[in-house]
Amino acid sequence: MSENMAQKRTLIYCWILTFVSLVNFQTSICEEHIPLKCYGTPADLVFVVDSSSSIWPSNFTKQLEFIQYMIDRLDVGMNKLQVRVGIVTFSDWAMVNAYLMQSRDKSVLKWKIGLIKQIQGRTNIANALNTLVSRVYKAENGARLGVKRIAILLTDGISQTHKTAALVAKRCRKENIEIFAIGIGNRIRYDELSELVSRPRWKYLIHAPSYEDLNRIKNVIIRKTCRNLPLRLSAKERKRMRRIQIGDSIITDDIQLDAKVCRNIMADVYFLMDSSSSIRKTDFRKQLHILRKVISKFQIGSNKTRVAVSFFTHQFLPVWKLNDLQDKSAILRRIKSLKYLEGATKTGYALYKVRTQGFIWQNQQNADQILIVFTDGQSSDYKRTRYEAKLLKRRGVKIFVVGIGPYVDKEELNSIASTPSIEYVHTFDSFNSLSMTSGILNVKACSAVKQMFFNDQNVCNKTQETDLMFVVNNHLIGYNKTEKIVNVVAEIIDLLGNESPIRTGMMYDDCETKEDIPLGSLQEKTAFIQRIDKIKFNSFAGMIRKLRLNVFPVEDIKTKNSSRRIGFLFLDEVSNINDFNVIREVKRSLGNGIQLYVVVIGDRVDISTIERNIAPRERIIIIPSYNDLKSLLPSKFTEKLCRLKESSQHSQLAST
């Protein structure tokens, strides 16, 4: 690949990064870093929870935990401006577990929720809604006049009393009760639930593909149910908000977009546009306007940039294919003539169609494949969405995601997009904000993208044979942090694939062997407790020693001269990197030919000390927080570890 072609490729990625990252960072950054809480406006909120036999006990518990999480984000109490909470569970019949008048103490309410037992039986939603309107929302039970009334229905099955339930739901709406429905799993009937919820349906009907996904979409649900209740921020959070806004105002200076960067670029750019029922007709027209504006910047032709456009709901509508005549005027006219569609959001199905019918895999030589997905909601086939996105990325497609509106599922967007997500995922609060700022050049994004975008898996398949051990001091950092490390390691291993010459393993700390308590060696409780108190877990130095002696013993050096031996260490502020024993074990490991790479998590670790005691700067990867691991580390891993054998290829990669 020529240097000129490499520069052109870089330019098109710069420009696309420019467009999809140009707007309104305040909303997305604040949503990520500032806890969502609803305060300041009174509401009577009732959770209506499916307790039928179709729900496993563990999943019933997940529903209760979800409610407890929601309550934590509400200002619960009996004052005039506070939120009162009620709980109803149902199967064949409904049970009131907490009336609105029992909202005096949030901690007591959460404790009571934890004690709720599953009823078992059939799914009688009609009885549950009737209990809601005839018993719960009554003044004698704590309901208030002139206060917003919100009911959240959680169910995973088909109601045995659907027609009656629809009539009772209509009665609820006449009583000014807003009904949200969270349909969980694949057995739900959208047509039935849509008759129960308030209008417009797309705002009030929410799908969670599984009970595990309740945790994933909980902030989306909070935004929907609390959309009229203001956020309350602490002084510290307000300070963070100001800092974020000041920083972003520097990033998004109004600079005219330069279309020259799109000239003579060979690429296949595929636009996949959400046209589901959650998008209003006026916003659909705005989306078309934005799309035409973006396409107009490209120099389109069969030997230049080729463009394809498809829309999706639960169906897939190709508008312009890559092998159609690449005439810009014709493409723009076709887009302008498109009609509004309606339906569910089947993003996974749409990605499948793009993968199997959209991209032409025997495409232009040296042409990059780029997919830009516009969406405003959550997919109803979340697991398939993740799977299909992963398959596209394995084929070398770079995926940008533009999330529009206040209810986007950021975790889902991250799972679709390429990494790092900070470059490939961008959210906007409305179609207006996207439209108004579609000509702004994001200087930071464009200047930051200097590297070539290789298919990560292909690069790692050509690299030097390597034995790599991930080293985690799990006893020191704790379960939650360890779990996040394990998840990102799984992503990296998946990225490497089956053909990779990089063999990986993972090493945790554990009790030192001499600390084990043999069977029958202790006869009394006191002696046992004393031994337990004296148990020592492997220190950081001990883990490096274990890496040197057990994983990469010196005896193996002669038999594996061609293989790199790498220890991949995870450190944060609790790691003692000034320990003399650490320094000694690092020197011994280096003497045995072991390379040490360090992932530094957080901003409270002295990088100069790591450079001095453990690894040179080029072997240090800095990640802002544990929450950023999954989005940032895989790409940084391939950048650091995947070196090509051939010197020409190596120099080409390095030059980028």
Foldseek 3Di string as FASTA:
>chain_A
DDPVLLVLLLLVLLQVLFQQAQFDPLVVVLPVPPDAAFFFAEEEEEEEEELAPVDDPVLSLLVLVLVLVLLVRFQWAQDPRGYFYWYWYDAPAIDTQAASVPRHDSVVVSVSSNVDDRDYHHAALLRSLCCCVVPRCDVVRPHDPPGQAEYEYEDAADHPPQVSLLVSLVVCVVVNYAYAYEHEADHDDPVSVLSNGDPPSVLRYHYQNHSVCSVLQSVLVSCSVRVVGDGDDDPVSVVVSVVVVVVVCVQNDFDFADLPSQPQAFAEEEEEEEQAAVADPVLLLLVLVLVLVVLVSHPWAQRGYFYWYWYDAPHIGTQGARPPGTDSVVSNVSSNPDDHDYHHAAQLVHLVCCVPPHDDLVGDVSYAAEYEYEDAEDHNPLVSLLVSLVVCLLSVYAYAYEYEADNYRVVSNLSNGAFLCSSRYYYYRHSVRSSVRSRTGRVVSSVVSPARRGSLQVLQLQFFQAEEEEEDADVQPHDVLVVLVVVQVVVLVVSNDDNGSYHYYYDYKDWDPVLDDDPPPDDDDVVVVVSVVPTDIQAPLSRLVCCDPPVPDLVCCVVPVRYAAEYEYEDEPRHDQVDPSNLVSQVVSVVSRYHYAYEYAADNDDVVSCCVRHHNPLRYHYHHHSVSSNRHVSVVCSLRPRAHPDPVVRVVRVVD
